[in-house]
C-alpha atoms as a PDB file:
ATOM      1  CA  MET A   1     183.315-118.432 217.616  1.00  0.00           C
ATOM      2  CA  VAL A   2     180.073-120.175 218.480  1.00  0.00           C
ATOM      3  CA  SER A   3     176.749-118.606 219.310  1.00  0.00           C
ATOM      4  CA  MET A   4     173.581-120.255 220.479  1.00  0.00           C
ATOM      5  CA  ALA A   5     170.470-119.595 222.477  1.00  0.00           C
ATOM      6  CA  ILE A   6     170.163-121.537 225.711  1.00  0.00           C
ATOM      7  CA  LEU A   7     166.484-121.880 226.491  1.00  0.00           C
ATOM      8  CA  THR A   8     165.535-122.239 230.131  1.00  0.00           C
ATOM      9  CA  ALA A   9     161.797-122.515 229.538  1.00  0.00           C
ATOM     10  CA  PRO A  10     159.673-123.780 226.655  1.00  0.00           C
ATOM     11  CA  ARG A  11     158.948-121.228 223.942  1.00  0.00           C
ATOM     12  CA  PRO A  12     155.507-120.512 222.581  1.00  0.00           C
ATOM     13  CA  LYS A  13     154.611-122.758 219.653  1.00  0.00           C
ATOM     14  CA  GLY A  14     155.535-121.308 216.311  1.00  0.00           C
ATOM     15  CA  GLU A  15     158.156-118.894 217.642  1.00  0.00           C
ATOM     16  CA  PRO A  16     160.990-118.808 215.103  1.00  0.00           C
ATOM     17  CA  GLU A  17     164.484-119.980 215.917  1.00  0.00           C
ATOM     18  CA  ARG A  18     166.001-116.951 214.265  1.00  0.00           C
ATOM     19  CA  TYR A  19     166.225-113.206 214.715  1.00  0.00           C
ATOM     20  CA  GLU A  20     165.080-110.838 211.988  1.00  0.00           C
ATOM     21  CA  HIS A  21     165.152-107.071 211.921  1.00  0.00           C
ATOM     22  CA  ALA A  22     164.516-104.591 209.118  1.00  0.00           C
ATOM     23  CA  SER A  23     165.028-100.854 209.261  1.00  0.00           C
ATOM     24  CA  TYR A  24     165.463 -98.171 206.572  1.00  0.00           C
ATOM     25  CA  GLY A  25     166.076-100.697 203.834  1.00  0.00           C
ATOM     26  CA  ASN A  26     168.551-102.739 205.877  1.00  0.00           C
ATOM     27  CA  GLU A  27     167.697-106.283 206.719  1.00  0.00           C
ATOM     28  CA  LEU A  28     169.309-108.590 209.228  1.00  0.00           C
ATOM     29  CA  ARG A  29     168.523-112.277 209.478  1.00  0.00           C
ATOM     30  CA  TYR A  30     170.354-114.304 212.092  1.00  0.00           C
ATOM     31  CA  VAL A  31     169.778-118.048 212.391  1.00  0.00           C
ATOM     32  CA  TYR A  32     171.146-119.765 215.473  1.00  0.00           C
ATOM     33  CA  PRO A  33     170.991-123.179 217.111  1.00  0.00           C
ATOM     34  CA  THR A  34     169.095-123.603 220.357  1.00  0.00           C
ATOM     35  CA  VAL A  35     169.838-125.725 223.385  1.00  0.00           C
ATOM     36  CA  LYS A  36     166.891-126.662 225.578  1.00  0.00           C
ATOM     37  CA  LEU A  37     168.120-127.211 229.125  1.00  0.00           C
ATOM     38  CA  TRP A  38     165.275-129.501 230.101  1.00  0.00           C
ATOM     39  CA  GLU A  39     166.169-131.866 227.242  1.00  0.00           C
ATOM     40  CA  LEU A  40     169.843-132.259 228.199  1.00  0.00           C
ATOM     41  CA  ALA A  41     170.869-135.517 229.880  1.00  0.00           C
ATOM     42  CA  ALA A  42     172.221-134.629 233.315  1.00  0.00           C
ATOM     43  CA  GLU A  43     174.362-137.784 233.450  1.00  0.00           C
ATOM     44  CA  GLN A  44     176.133-136.924 230.194  1.00  0.00           C
ATOM     45  CA  LEU A  45     176.775-133.354 231.323  1.00  0.00           C
ATOM     46  CA  ALA A  46     178.162-134.602 234.648  1.00  0.00           C
ATOM     47  CA  ALA A  47     180.516-137.034 232.895  1.00  0.00           C
ATOM     48  CA  SER A  48     181.858-134.443 230.460  1.00  0.00           C
ATOM     49  CA  GLN A  49     185.322-132.896 230.831  1.00  0.00           C
ATOM     50  CA  ASN A  50     184.088-129.681 229.202  1.00  0.00           C
ATOM     51  CA  PRO A  51     183.641-126.880 231.786  1.00  0.00           C
ATOM     52  CA  PHE A  52     180.754-125.432 229.776  1.00  0.00           C
ATOM     53  CA  ASP A  53     178.853-128.683 230.265  1.00  0.00           C
ATOM     54  CA  LEU A  54     179.127-128.293 234.044  1.00  0.00           C
ATOM     55  CA  ALA A  55     177.788-124.744 233.709  1.00  0.00           C
ATOM     56  CA  LEU A  56     174.880-126.145 231.684  1.00  0.00           C
ATOM     57  CA  LEU A  57     174.369-128.827 234.333  1.00  0.00           C
ATOM     58  CA  ALA A  58     174.184-126.139 237.027  1.00  0.00           C
ATOM     59  CA  ALA A  59     171.541-124.293 235.006  1.00  0.00           C
ATOM     60  CA  ARG A  60     169.677-127.565 234.476  1.00  0.00           C
ATOM     61  CA  ARG A  61     169.775-128.210 238.235  1.00  0.00           C
ATOM     62  CA  VAL A  62     168.158-124.815 238.862  1.00  0.00           C
ATOM     63  CA  ILE A  63     165.173-126.082 236.878  1.00  0.00           C
ATOM     64  CA  ASP A  64     165.285-129.509 238.583  1.00  0.00           C
ATOM     65  CA  SER A  65     165.396-128.027 242.097  1.00  0.00           C
ATOM     66  CA  GLY A  66     162.350-125.827 241.649  1.00  0.00           C
ATOM     67  CA  ARG A  67     161.898-123.953 244.928  1.00  0.00           C
ATOM     68  CA  SER A  68     163.513-126.628 247.107  1.00  0.00           C
ATOM     69  CA  ASP A  69     166.539-125.256 248.968  1.00  0.00           C
ATOM     70  CA  ASN A  70     167.412-128.777 250.110  1.00  0.00           C
ATOM     71  CA  LYS A  71     167.690-129.901 246.480  1.00  0.00           C
ATOM     72  CA  ARG A  72     169.756-126.817 245.629  1.00  0.00           C
ATOM     73  CA  ILE A  73     172.187-127.600 248.440  1.00  0.00           C
ATOM     74  CA  ALA A  74     172.425-131.239 247.348  1.00  0.00           C
ATOM     75  CA  PHE A  75     173.139-130.139 243.758  1.00  0.00           C
ATOM     76  CA  LEU A  76     175.751-127.613 244.962  1.00  0.00           C
ATOM     77  CA  LYS A  77     177.535-130.330 246.921  1.00  0.00           C
ATOM     78  CA  HIS A  78     177.375-132.741 243.979  1.00  0.00           C
ATOM     79  CA  LEU A  79     178.692-130.193 241.485  1.00  0.00           C
ATOM     80  CA  GLY A  80     181.447-129.166 243.906  1.00  0.00           C
ATOM     81  CA  GLY A  81     182.475-132.813 244.101  1.00  0.00           C
ATOM     82  CA  LEU A  82     182.528-133.064 240.308  1.00  0.00           C
ATOM     83  CA  LEU A  83     184.827-130.044 240.138  1.00  0.00           C
ATOM     84  CA  ASP A  84     187.176-131.594 242.698  1.00  0.00           C
ATOM     85  CA  GLU A  85     187.354-134.797 240.634  1.00  0.00           C
ATOM     86  CA  ARG A  86     188.355-132.984 237.440  1.00  0.00           C
ATOM     87  CA  GLY A  87     191.876-132.146 238.561  1.00  0.00           C
ATOM     88  CA  TRP A  88     191.588-128.679 237.029  1.00  0.00           C
ATOM     89  CA  SER A  89     193.535-125.717 238.379  1.00  0.00           C
ATOM     90  CA  ARG A  90     192.185-124.086 241.528  1.00  0.00           C
ATOM     91  CA  GLU A  91     191.534-120.860 239.609  1.00  0.00           C
ATOM     92  CA  ARG A  92     189.552-122.640 236.890  1.00  0.00           C
ATOM     93  CA  CYS A  93     187.470-124.480 239.491  1.00  0.00           C
ATOM     94  CA  LEU A  94     186.795-121.294 241.475  1.00  0.00           C
ATOM     95  CA  THR A  95     185.714-119.400 238.377  1.00  0.00           C
ATOM     96  CA  LEU A  96     183.222-122.091 237.460  1.00  0.00           C
ATOM     97  CA  TYR A  97     182.116-122.638 241.050  1.00  0.00           C
ATOM     98  CA  ARG A  98     181.271-118.941 241.439  1.00  0.00           C
ATOM     99  CA  PHE A  99     178.758-119.341 238.623  1.00  0.00           C
ATOM    100  CA  ILE A 100     177.426-122.622 240.016  1.00  0.00           C
ATOM    101  CA  GLU A 101     177.012-121.137 243.488  1.00  0.00           C
ATOM    102  CA  TRP A 102     175.343-118.040 242.074  1.00  0.00           C
ATOM    103  CA  ALA A 103     172.891-120.131 240.047  1.00  0.00           C
ATOM    104  CA  LEU A 104     172.023-122.610 242.810  1.00  0.00           C
ATOM    105  CA  ARG A 105     172.258-120.383 245.876  1.00  0.00           C
ATOM    106  CA  PRO A 106     169.561-121.399 248.384  1.00  0.00           C
ATOM    107  CA  ARG A 107     166.766-118.847 248.625  1.00  0.00           C
ATOM    108  CA  SER A 108     166.479-118.771 252.417  1.00  0.00           C
ATOM    109  CA  GLU A 109     169.272-117.157 254.419  1.00  0.00           C
ATOM    110  CA  GLU A 110     169.059-119.963 256.989  1.00  0.00           C
ATOM    111  CA  LYS A 111     169.678-122.648 254.354  1.00  0.00           C
ATOM    112  CA  TYR A 112     172.477-120.570 252.833  1.00  0.00           C
ATOM    113  CA  GLU A 113     174.188-120.340 256.251  1.00  0.00           C
ATOM    114  CA  GLU A 114     173.759-124.105 256.663  1.00  0.00           C
ATOM    115  CA  TYR A 115     175.428-124.621 253.295  1.00  0.00           C
ATOM    116  CA  MET A 116     178.273-122.213 254.168  1.00  0.00           C
ATOM    117  CA  GLU A 117     178.922-124.090 257.424  1.00  0.00           C
ATOM    118  CA  TRP A 118     179.168-127.333 255.452  1.00  0.00           C
ATOM    119  CA  MET A 119     181.611-125.611 253.055  1.00  0.00           C
ATOM    120  CA  ARG A 120     183.825-124.483 255.961  1.00  0.00           C
ATOM    121  CA  LYS A 121     183.979-128.044 257.276  1.00  0.00           C
ATOM    122  CA  GLU A 122     184.849-129.367 253.818  1.00  0.00           C
ATOM    123  CA  GLU A 123     187.683-126.859 253.493  1.00  0.00           C
ATOM    124  CA  GLU A 124     189.036-127.920 256.894  1.00  0.00           C
ATOM    125  CA  LYS A 125     189.058-131.553 255.735  1.00  0.00           C
ATOM    126  CA  LYS A 126     191.136-130.589 252.707  1.00  0.00           C
ATOM    127  CA  MET A 127     193.808-128.956 254.844  1.00  0.00           C
ATOM    128  CA  TYR A 128     196.353-131.630 255.600  1.00  0.00           C
ATOM    129  CA  VAL A 129     198.377-129.743 258.172  1.00  0.00           C
ATOM    130  CA  THR A 130     200.453-131.534 260.792  1.00  0.00           C
ATOM    131  CA  VAL A 131     200.417-130.484 264.437  1.00  0.00           C
ATOM    132  CA  ALA A 132     203.999-129.220 264.096  1.00  0.00           C
ATOM    133  CA  GLU A 133     202.996-127.084 261.098  1.00  0.00           C
ATOM    134  CA  LYS A 134     200.043-125.650 263.020  1.00  0.00           C
ATOM    135  CA  ILE A 135     202.280-124.776 265.978  1.00  0.00           C
ATOM    136  CA  GLY A 136     204.763-123.190 263.587  1.00  0.00           C
ATOM    137  CA  MET A 137     202.035-121.144 261.900  1.00  0.00           C
ATOM    138  CA  GLU A 138     200.664-119.989 265.253  1.00  0.00           C
ATOM    139  CA  LYS A 139     204.152-119.058 266.474  1.00  0.00           C
ATOM    140  CA  GLY A 140     204.790-117.168 263.246  1.00  0.00           C
ATOM    141  CA  MET A 141     201.541-115.273 263.673  1.00  0.00           C
ATOM    142  CA  GLU A 142     202.465-114.365 267.255  1.00  0.00           C
ATOM    143  CA  ILE A 143     205.877-113.099 266.152  1.00  0.00           C
ATOM    144  CA  GLY A 144     204.263-111.106 263.351  1.00  0.00           C
ATOM    145  CA  LEU A 145     201.776-109.537 265.752  1.00  0.00           C
ATOM    146  CA  GLU A 146     204.546-108.600 268.179  1.00  0.00           C
ATOM    147  CA  LYS A 147     206.596-107.017 265.389  1.00  0.00           C
ATOM    148  CA  GLY A 148     203.510-105.124 264.257  1.00  0.00           C
ATOM    149  CA  LYS A 149     202.913-103.802 267.780  1.00  0.00           C
ATOM    150  CA  GLU A 150     206.545-102.694 268.075  1.00  0.00           C
ATOM    151  CA  GLU A 151     206.401-100.920 264.718  1.00  0.00           C
ATOM    152  CA  THR A 152     203.189 -99.156 265.750  1.00  0.00           C
ATOM    153  CA  LYS A 153     204.835 -97.983 268.978  1.00  0.00           C
ATOM    154  CA  LYS A 154     207.851 -96.680 267.065  1.00  0.00           C
ATOM    155  CA  GLU A 155     205.668 -94.861 264.520  1.00  0.00           C
ATOM    156  CA  ALA A 156     203.688 -93.229 267.326  1.00  0.00           C
ATOM    157  CA  ALA A 157     206.927 -92.235 269.083  1.00  0.00           C
ATOM    158  CA  LEU A 158     208.251 -90.655 265.882  1.00  0.00           C
ATOM    159  CA  ARG A 159     205.046 -88.650 265.412  1.00  0.00           C
ATOM    160  CA  MET A 160     205.273 -87.465 269.014  1.00  0.00           C
ATOM    161  CA  LEU A 161     208.935 -86.487 268.526  1.00  0.00           C
ATOM    162  CA  ASP A 162     207.866 -84.480 265.470  1.00  0.00           C
ATOM    163  CA  LYS A 163     205.398 -82.625 267.720  1.00  0.00           C
ATOM    164  CA  GLY A 164     208.257 -81.735 270.068  1.00  0.00           C
ATOM    165  CA  LEU A 165     207.241 -83.865 273.063  1.00  0.00           C
ATOM    166  CA  ALA A 166     209.860 -84.895 275.616  1.00  0.00           C
ATOM    167  CA  PRO A 167     211.442 -88.346 275.119  1.00  0.00           C
ATOM    168  CA  SER A 168     210.610 -89.351 278.717  1.00  0.00           C
ATOM    169  CA  LEU A 169     206.902 -88.547 278.176  1.00  0.00           C
ATOM    170  CA  ILE A 170     206.888 -90.375 274.838  1.00  0.00           C
ATOM    171  CA  ALA A 171     208.516 -93.454 276.401  1.00  0.00           C
ATOM    172  CA  GLU A 172     205.834 -93.520 279.076  1.00  0.00           C
ATOM    173  CA  CYS A 173     202.934 -93.006 276.646  1.00  0.00           C
ATOM    174  CA  VAL A 174     203.899 -95.609 274.042  1.00  0.00           C
ATOM    175  CA  ASP A 175     205.493 -98.117 276.423  1.00  0.00           C
ATOM    176  CA  LEU A 176     209.018 -97.964 274.972  1.00  0.00           C
ATOM    177  CA  ALA A 177     212.300 -97.609 276.829  1.00  0.00           C
ATOM    178  CA  GLU A 178     213.489 -93.981 276.900  1.00  0.00           C
ATOM    179  CA  GLU A 179     216.772 -95.141 275.321  1.00  0.00           C
ATOM    180  CA  GLU A 180     214.776 -96.522 272.375  1.00  0.00           C
ATOM    181  CA  VAL A 181     212.997 -93.180 271.922  1.00  0.00           C
ATOM    182  CA  LEU A 182     216.363 -91.369 272.023  1.00  0.00           C
ATOM    183  CA  ARG A 183     217.759 -93.809 269.453  1.00  0.00           C
ATOM    184  CA  LEU A 184     214.765 -93.141 267.174  1.00  0.00           C
ATOM    185  CA  ARG A 185     215.376 -89.400 267.512  1.00  0.00           C
ATOM    186  CA  GLU A 186     219.049 -89.854 266.587  1.00  0.00           C
ATOM    187  CA  GLU A 187     218.181 -91.982 263.541  1.00  0.00           C
ATOM    188  CA  ARG A 188     215.710 -89.371 262.385  1.00  0.00           C
ATOM    189  CA  SER A 189     218.168 -86.462 262.485  1.00  0.00           C
END
């Protein structure tokens, strides 16, 4: 286990790099190392294969961007590219990217929407789907929707049968053949 303090702003001069507490005769003294974000070399963090270094780089970029949403967006894009280059699992990348995006999220809603639009386009580029696959997916979705509609009609017909409505009225209301309604009634009993 490792513990450290990650400082995001300079400390007052003379502030100790330890924690001390005394109470009722008990004393606790905890000495810990500190990492000062502004002193870390961004290039070294970017080159590292350690995911924690990319998290530190994201925090460093928050300081570097100041209040500039344009810089934040540029850093988000750069860090996203670094994650893609690592070859890590999708889940590992997403976990880290959630933190990066949280840390560097543009302050203005307009800039955030601009960034999200860029992200959508990037995702589309990554989808290598052939025309035949797209047609197949669309056809599959159509078939699924049709099956869903048919199931909904049948469920409604069954509820109406439970209420004692006439099969001819049910067929008319839910747009099923009367024979289908009668078949549903037979299956139910």
